[in-house]
Amino acid sequence: MTRVLLADDHAAVRAGLRMLLDSADDIEVVGEAADGVEAVALARELHPDVVVMDVRMPRKDGIAAAAELRGTADVLVLTSYGDDANVFDALRAGASGFLLKDADAETLVEAVRTIARGDGLISPAVTRGLIAEFARSRPAYAPIEVDGAGVASLTPRETEVLALIGEGMSNAEIAAELGMAEATVKSHVTRVLAKLGLTSRVQAAIFAREQAR
């Protein structure tokens, strides 16, 4: 069972999200927060697997809240606009994925499942384009900081996997591309994140795109 915390300042939005997620047998909404401060407090109290977080909230926005929750819970950022600059900042803050608020029920449920299993939300329809736009249009931002020794220690296969993460491929897509088991790909991804000192797959994708420029 995947435990989910909802964070949005609109009660009607939270109610809609709860209804959609409660329709899944393997997802349980364990709490709701109306702002970023409450989201951080409840996440530390309830220990959810995934926090579904709005970007724009009072007292503490979703970006700041995601940064505080790094290492505590995986964050799925929701926004009304695909080109919202705040989403870039949220990904840098350690959020594990990004989704538009107009996503249908099936997409939302699958996004939560994807992030809960540590795969990151890098879908061809949404996040792949987001990462490409980030790499193209935000050169003034400081690059993702990684462990230099970790980069040097990547094996040729891990380097190959990192490049494909940067292309927005899922574990299943990488497995098909490289002719290996999906479980093996997942192990490679875990080692890449650990060696580079990164906290999410999305950060790894951004780093890979930055290196490819």
C-alpha atoms as a PDB file:
ATOM      1  CA  MET A   1       0.000   0.000   0.000  1.00  0.00           C
ATOM      2  CA  THR A   2       1.397   3.392  -1.016  1.00  0.00           C
ATOM      3  CA  ARG A   3       0.785   6.091   1.584  1.00  0.00           C
ATOM      4  CA  VAL A   4       0.090   9.555   0.158  1.00  0.00           C
ATOM      5  CA  LEU A   5      -0.068  13.026   1.681  1.00  0.00           C
ATOM      6  CA  LEU A   6      -1.926  15.746  -0.257  1.00  0.00           C
ATOM      7  CA  ALA A   7      -0.733  19.357  -0.056  1.00  0.00           C
ATOM      8  CA  ASP A   8      -2.825  22.061  -1.741  1.00  0.00           C
ATOM      9  CA  ASP A   9      -4.342  25.268  -0.411  1.00  0.00           C
ATOM     10  CA  HIS A  10      -7.681  24.631  -2.141  1.00  0.00           C
ATOM     11  CA  ALA A  11      -9.947  22.237  -0.232  1.00  0.00           C
ATOM     12  CA  ALA A  12     -11.895  21.375  -3.391  1.00  0.00           C
ATOM     13  CA  VAL A  13      -8.683  20.342  -5.173  1.00  0.00           C
ATOM     14  CA  ARG A  14      -7.652  18.165  -2.233  1.00  0.00           C
ATOM     15  CA  ALA A  15     -11.089  16.550  -2.197  1.00  0.00           C
ATOM     16  CA  GLY A  16     -10.838  15.787  -5.903  1.00  0.00           C
ATOM     17  CA  LEU A  17      -7.351  14.335  -5.569  1.00  0.00           C
ATOM     18  CA  ARG A  18      -8.419  12.210  -2.603  1.00  0.00           C
ATOM     19  CA  MET A  19     -11.385  10.845  -4.563  1.00  0.00           C
ATOM     20  CA  LEU A  20      -9.183   9.925  -7.527  1.00  0.00           C
ATOM     21  CA  LEU A  21      -6.435   8.299  -5.465  1.00  0.00           C
ATOM     22  CA  ASP A  22      -8.821   6.485  -3.132  1.00  0.00           C
ATOM     23  CA  SER A  23     -10.223   4.735  -6.199  1.00  0.00           C
ATOM     24  CA  ALA A  24      -6.972   2.741  -6.403  1.00  0.00           C
ATOM     25  CA  ASP A  25      -6.753  -0.376  -4.249  1.00  0.00           C
ATOM     26  CA  ASP A  26      -3.032   0.063  -3.622  1.00  0.00           C
ATOM     27  CA  ILE A  27      -3.020   3.756  -2.594  1.00  0.00           C
ATOM     28  CA  GLU A  28      -4.073   5.255   0.745  1.00  0.00           C
ATOM     29  CA  VAL A  29      -4.375   9.006   1.371  1.00  0.00           C
ATOM     30  CA  VAL A  30      -3.133   9.401   4.944  1.00  0.00           C
ATOM     31  CA  GLY A  31      -3.398  13.162   5.354  1.00  0.00           C
ATOM     32  CA  GLU A  32      -4.064  16.588   3.861  1.00  0.00           C
ATOM     33  CA  ALA A  33      -2.192  19.871   4.236  1.00  0.00           C
ATOM     34  CA  ALA A  34      -3.398  23.352   3.285  1.00  0.00           C
ATOM     35  CA  ASP A  35       0.060  24.952   3.011  1.00  0.00           C
ATOM     36  CA  GLY A  36       3.749  24.147   2.875  1.00  0.00           C
ATOM     37  CA  VAL A  37       4.395  24.480   6.587  1.00  0.00           C
ATOM     38  CA  GLU A  38       1.637  22.004   7.390  1.00  0.00           C
ATOM     39  CA  ALA A  39       2.827  19.690   4.616  1.00  0.00           C
ATOM     40  CA  VAL A  40       6.337  19.459   6.064  1.00  0.00           C
ATOM     41  CA  ALA A  41       5.017  18.887   9.588  1.00  0.00           C
ATOM     42  CA  LEU A  42       2.541  16.196   8.521  1.00  0.00           C
ATOM     43  CA  ALA A  43       5.084  14.449   6.300  1.00  0.00           C
ATOM     44  CA  ARG A  44       7.459  14.142   9.235  1.00  0.00           C
ATOM     45  CA  GLU A  45       4.634  12.897  11.455  1.00  0.00           C
ATOM     46  CA  LEU A  46       2.847  10.510   9.073  1.00  0.00           C
ATOM     47  CA  HIS A  47       5.826   9.264   7.005  1.00  0.00           C
ATOM     48  CA  PRO A  48       4.026   9.050   3.635  1.00  0.00           C
ATOM     49  CA  ASP A  49       5.689   7.388   0.665  1.00  0.00           C
ATOM     50  CA  VAL A  50       4.649  10.211  -1.679  1.00  0.00           C
ATOM     51  CA  VAL A  51       3.641  13.833  -1.103  1.00  0.00           C
ATOM     52  CA  VAL A  52       1.445  15.232  -3.875  1.00  0.00           C
ATOM     53  CA  MET A  53       2.373  18.911  -3.639  1.00  0.00           C
ATOM     54  CA  ASP A  54       1.024  22.074  -5.236  1.00  0.00           C
ATOM     55  CA  VAL A  55       3.641  24.678  -6.154  1.00  0.00           C
ATOM     56  CA  ARG A  56       1.846  27.825  -5.034  1.00  0.00           C
ATOM     57  CA  MET A  57       0.730  27.681  -1.405  1.00  0.00           C
ATOM     58  CA  PRO A  58       0.655  30.168   1.503  1.00  0.00           C
ATOM     59  CA  ARG A  59       3.201  30.397   4.337  1.00  0.00           C
ATOM     60  CA  LYS A  60       5.640  28.050   2.535  1.00  0.00           C
ATOM     61  CA  ASP A  61       5.423  27.237  -1.173  1.00  0.00           C
ATOM     62  CA  GLY A  62       5.818  23.773  -2.626  1.00  0.00           C
ATOM     63  CA  ILE A  63       9.388  24.410  -3.697  1.00  0.00           C
ATOM     64  CA  ALA A  64      10.610  25.254  -0.215  1.00  0.00           C
ATOM     65  CA  ALA A  65       8.574  22.401   1.248  1.00  0.00           C
ATOM     66  CA  ALA A  66      10.032  19.903  -1.242  1.00  0.00           C
ATOM     67  CA  ALA A  67      13.533  21.008  -0.307  1.00  0.00           C
ATOM     68  CA  GLU A  68      12.797  20.446   3.391  1.00  0.00           C
ATOM     69  CA  LEU A  69      11.374  17.002   2.679  1.00  0.00           C
ATOM     70  CA  ARG A  70      14.374  15.830   0.668  1.00  0.00           C
ATOM     71  CA  GLY A  71      15.289  12.425   1.999  1.00  0.00           C
ATOM     72  CA  THR A  72      12.042  12.195   3.991  1.00  0.00           C
ATOM     73  CA  ALA A  73       9.446  11.553   1.280  1.00  0.00           C
ATOM     74  CA  ASP A  74       9.259  11.587  -2.500  1.00  0.00           C
ATOM     75  CA  VAL A  75       7.427  14.631  -3.819  1.00  0.00           C
ATOM     76  CA  LEU A  76       5.152  14.743  -6.866  1.00  0.00           C
ATOM     77  CA  VAL A  77       4.736  18.389  -7.855  1.00  0.00           C
ATOM     78  CA  LEU A  78       1.410  19.490  -9.329  1.00  0.00           C
ATOM     79  CA  THR A  79       0.992  22.688 -11.319  1.00  0.00           C
ATOM     80  CA  SER A  80      -1.595  24.277 -13.554  1.00  0.00           C
ATOM     81  CA  TYR A  81       0.966  25.376 -16.143  1.00  0.00           C
ATOM     82  CA  GLY A  82       3.445  23.186 -18.003  1.00  0.00           C
ATOM     83  CA  ASP A  83       5.842  26.079 -18.479  1.00  0.00           C
ATOM     84  CA  ASP A  84       5.702  27.342 -14.904  1.00  0.00           C
ATOM     85  CA  ALA A  85       9.257  28.415 -14.002  1.00  0.00           C
ATOM     86  CA  ASN A  86       8.648  27.379 -10.409  1.00  0.00           C
ATOM     87  CA  VAL A  87       8.557  23.744 -11.529  1.00  0.00           C
ATOM     88  CA  PHE A  88      12.204  23.949 -12.581  1.00  0.00           C
ATOM     89  CA  ASP A  89      13.079  25.165  -9.112  1.00  0.00           C
ATOM     90  CA  ALA A  90      11.019  22.394  -7.545  1.00  0.00           C
ATOM     91  CA  LEU A  91      12.949  19.744  -9.465  1.00  0.00           C
ATOM     92  CA  ARG A  92      16.214  21.287  -8.308  1.00  0.00           C
ATOM     93  CA  ALA A  93      14.835  21.204  -4.766  1.00  0.00           C
ATOM     94  CA  GLY A  94      14.658  17.412  -5.037  1.00  0.00           C
ATOM     95  CA  ALA A  95      11.118  16.720  -6.227  1.00  0.00           C
ATOM     96  CA  SER A  96      10.806  13.334  -7.875  1.00  0.00           C
ATOM     97  CA  GLY A  97       8.255  14.231 -10.523  1.00  0.00           C
ATOM     98  CA  PHE A  98       5.983  16.745 -12.154  1.00  0.00           C
ATOM     99  CA  LEU A  99       2.387  16.544 -13.342  1.00  0.00           C
ATOM    100  CA  LEU A 100      -0.215  18.957 -14.656  1.00  0.00           C
ATOM    101  CA  LYS A 101      -3.347  19.386 -12.559  1.00  0.00           C
ATOM    102  CA  ASP A 102      -5.573  18.545 -15.514  1.00  0.00           C
ATOM    103  CA  ALA A 103      -4.175  15.013 -15.722  1.00  0.00           C
ATOM    104  CA  ASP A 104      -6.833  12.315 -15.767  1.00  0.00           C
ATOM    105  CA  ALA A 105      -7.370   9.883 -12.918  1.00  0.00           C
ATOM    106  CA  GLU A 106      -5.397   7.051 -14.529  1.00  0.00           C
ATOM    107  CA  THR A 107      -2.392   9.291 -15.164  1.00  0.00           C
ATOM    108  CA  LEU A 108      -2.385  10.641 -11.611  1.00  0.00           C
ATOM    109  CA  VAL A 109      -2.648   7.203 -10.047  1.00  0.00           C
ATOM    110  CA  GLU A 110       0.123   5.816 -12.255  1.00  0.00           C
ATOM    111  CA  ALA A 111       2.314   8.841 -11.467  1.00  0.00           C
ATOM    112  CA  VAL A 112       2.017   8.151  -7.744  1.00  0.00           C
ATOM    113  CA  ARG A 113       2.846   4.483  -8.303  1.00  0.00           C
ATOM    114  CA  THR A 114       5.826   5.385 -10.484  1.00  0.00           C
ATOM    115  CA  ILE A 115       7.335   7.703  -7.897  1.00  0.00           C
ATOM    116  CA  ALA A 116       6.582   5.316  -5.026  1.00  0.00           C
ATOM    117  CA  ARG A 117       8.664   2.601  -6.673  1.00  0.00           C
ATOM    118  CA  GLY A 118      11.561   5.025  -7.119  1.00  0.00           C
ATOM    119  CA  ASP A 119      11.310   5.282 -10.891  1.00  0.00           C
ATOM    120  CA  GLY A 120      10.772   9.051 -11.099  1.00  0.00           C
ATOM    121  CA  LEU A 121       8.138  10.723 -13.233  1.00  0.00           C
ATOM    122  CA  ILE A 122       9.881  11.242 -16.541  1.00  0.00           C
ATOM    123  CA  SER A 123       7.111  10.672 -19.066  1.00  0.00           C
ATOM    124  CA  PRO A 124       7.533  11.373 -22.774  1.00  0.00           C
ATOM    125  CA  ALA A 125       4.404  13.561 -22.758  1.00  0.00           C
ATOM    126  CA  VAL A 126       5.361  15.862 -19.901  1.00  0.00           C
ATOM    127  CA  THR A 127       8.639  15.592 -18.053  1.00  0.00           C
ATOM    128  CA  ARG A 128      10.877  14.808 -21.015  1.00  0.00           C
ATOM    129  CA  GLY A 129       9.892  18.119 -22.584  1.00  0.00           C
ATOM    130  CA  LEU A 130      10.260  19.862 -19.239  1.00  0.00           C
ATOM    131  CA  ILE A 131      13.827  18.651 -18.816  1.00  0.00           C
ATOM    132  CA  ALA A 132      14.730  19.630 -22.369  1.00  0.00           C
ATOM    133  CA  GLU A 133      13.306  23.120 -21.857  1.00  0.00           C
ATOM    134  CA  PHE A 134      15.103  23.422 -18.540  1.00  0.00           C
ATOM    135  CA  ALA A 135      18.443  22.554 -20.095  1.00  0.00           C
ATOM    136  CA  ARG A 136      17.844  24.925 -23.017  1.00  0.00           C
ATOM    137  CA  SER A 137      16.406  27.997 -21.347  1.00  0.00           C
ATOM    138  CA  ARG A 138      17.915  28.192 -17.863  1.00  0.00           C
ATOM    139  CA  PRO A 139      21.696  28.472 -18.472  1.00  0.00           C
ATOM    140  CA  ALA A 140      22.045  31.152 -15.790  1.00  0.00           C
ATOM    141  CA  TYR A 141      21.273  28.646 -13.062  1.00  0.00           C
ATOM    142  CA  ALA A 142      24.153  26.994 -11.288  1.00  0.00           C
ATOM    143  CA  PRO A 143      24.576  23.428 -12.560  1.00  0.00           C
ATOM    144  CA  ILE A 144      23.501  20.447 -10.504  1.00  0.00           C
ATOM    145  CA  GLU A 145      26.264  19.784  -7.992  1.00  0.00           C
ATOM    146  CA  VAL A 146      27.572  16.237  -8.024  1.00  0.00           C
ATOM    147  CA  ASP A 147      30.392  14.293  -6.414  1.00  0.00           C
ATOM    148  CA  GLY A 148      33.335  14.627  -8.820  1.00  0.00           C
ATOM    149  CA  ALA A 149      34.880  11.390  -7.640  1.00  0.00           C
ATOM    150  CA  GLY A 150      31.507   9.747  -8.139  1.00  0.00           C
ATOM    151  CA  VAL A 151      31.377  10.845 -11.769  1.00  0.00           C
ATOM    152  CA  ALA A 152      34.831   9.371 -12.366  1.00  0.00           C
ATOM    153  CA  SER A 153      33.775   6.111 -10.715  1.00  0.00           C
ATOM    154  CA  LEU A 154      30.807   5.487 -13.022  1.00  0.00           C
ATOM    155  CA  THR A 155      31.234   2.353 -15.085  1.00  0.00           C
ATOM    156  CA  PRO A 156      30.687   2.521 -18.858  1.00  0.00           C
ATOM    157  CA  ARG A 157      27.299   0.855 -18.394  1.00  0.00           C
ATOM    158  CA  GLU A 158      26.289   3.271 -15.629  1.00  0.00           C
ATOM    159  CA  THR A 159      27.319   6.177 -17.843  1.00  0.00           C
ATOM    160  CA  GLU A 160      25.169   4.748 -20.614  1.00  0.00           C
ATOM    161  CA  VAL A 161      22.205   4.382 -18.267  1.00  0.00           C
ATOM    162  CA  LEU A 162      22.675   7.969 -17.051  1.00  0.00           C
ATOM    163  CA  ALA A 163      22.580   9.254 -20.622  1.00  0.00           C
ATOM    164  CA  LEU A 164      19.329   7.415 -21.289  1.00  0.00           C
ATOM    165  CA  ILE A 165      17.832   8.807 -18.078  1.00  0.00           C
ATOM    166  CA  GLY A 166      18.672  12.205 -19.534  1.00  0.00           C
ATOM    167  CA  GLU A 167      16.645  11.289 -22.616  1.00  0.00           C
ATOM    168  CA  GLY A 168      13.624  10.793 -20.369  1.00  0.00           C
ATOM    169  CA  MET A 169      13.517   7.020 -20.637  1.00  0.00           C
ATOM    170  CA  SER A 170      11.861   4.906 -17.962  1.00  0.00           C
ATOM    171  CA  ASN A 171      13.536   1.795 -16.533  1.00  0.00           C
ATOM    172  CA  ALA A 172      11.469  -0.376 -18.867  1.00  0.00           C
ATOM    173  CA  GLU A 173      12.528   1.689 -21.898  1.00  0.00           C
ATOM    174  CA  ILE A 174      16.185   1.586 -20.859  1.00  0.00           C
ATOM    175  CA  ALA A 175      15.964  -2.183 -20.362  1.00  0.00           C
ATOM    176  CA  ALA A 176      14.597  -2.602 -23.883  1.00  0.00           C
ATOM    177  CA  GLU A 177      17.219  -0.255 -25.339  1.00  0.00           C
ATOM    178  CA  LEU A 178      20.159  -1.992 -23.658  1.00  0.00           C
ATOM    179  CA  GLY A 179      18.836  -5.546 -23.767  1.00  0.00           C
ATOM    180  CA  MET A 180      18.855  -6.184 -20.029  1.00  0.00           C
ATOM    181  CA  ALA A 181      16.374  -6.956 -17.260  1.00  0.00           C
ATOM    182  CA  GLU A 182      14.429  -4.060 -15.775  1.00  0.00           C
ATOM    183  CA  ALA A 183      15.624  -5.067 -12.296  1.00  0.00           C
ATOM    184  CA  THR A 184      19.215  -4.730 -13.498  1.00  0.00           C
ATOM    185  CA  VAL A 185      18.489  -1.245 -14.817  1.00  0.00           C
ATOM    186  CA  LYS A 186      16.975  -0.277 -11.471  1.00  0.00           C
ATOM    187  CA  SER A 187      20.174  -1.420  -9.736  1.00  0.00           C
ATOM    188  CA  HIS A 188      22.259   0.674 -12.128  1.00  0.00           C
ATOM    189  CA  VAL A 189      20.072   3.723 -11.475  1.00  0.00           C
ATOM    190  CA  THR A 190      20.400   3.290  -7.722  1.00  0.00           C
ATOM    191  CA  ARG A 191      24.193   3.106  -7.995  1.00  0.00           C
ATOM    192  CA  VAL A 192      24.338   6.149 -10.296  1.00  0.00           C
ATOM    193  CA  LEU A 193      22.341   8.268  -7.827  1.00  0.00           C
ATOM    194  CA  ALA A 194      24.484   7.099  -4.920  1.00  0.00           C
ATOM    195  CA  LYS A 195      27.778   7.743  -6.715  1.00  0.00           C
ATOM    196  CA  LEU A 196      26.735  11.210  -7.887  1.00  0.00           C
ATOM    197  CA  GLY A 197      25.254  12.189  -4.530  1.00  0.00           C
ATOM    198  CA  LEU A 198      21.869  12.991  -6.102  1.00  0.00           C
ATOM    199  CA  THR A 199      18.516  12.581  -4.376  1.00  0.00           C
ATOM    200  CA  SER A 200      16.202  11.895  -7.296  1.00  0.00           C
ATOM    201  CA  ARG A 201      16.068  10.462 -10.795  1.00  0.00           C
ATOM    202  CA  VAL A 202      14.905  13.830 -12.132  1.00  0.00           C
ATOM    203  CA  GLN A 203      18.055  15.512 -10.803  1.00  0.00           C
ATOM    204  CA  ALA A 204      20.084  12.818 -12.576  1.00  0.00           C
ATOM    205  CA  ALA A 205      18.214  13.533 -15.803  1.00  0.00           C
ATOM    206  CA  ILE A 206      18.867  17.270 -15.530  1.00  0.00           C
ATOM    207  CA  PHE A 207      22.551  16.622 -14.798  1.00  0.00           C
ATOM    208  CA  ALA A 208      22.804  14.319 -17.814  1.00  0.00           C
ATOM    209  CA  ARG A 209      21.245  16.952 -20.066  1.00  0.00           C
ATOM    210  CA  GLU A 210      23.546  19.633 -18.713  1.00  0.00           C
ATOM    211  CA  GLN A 211      26.587  17.445 -19.449  1.00  0.00           C
ATOM    212  CA  ALA A 212      25.355  16.761 -22.970  1.00  0.00           C
ATOM    213  CA  ARG A 213      25.102  20.464 -23.865  1.00  0.00           C
END
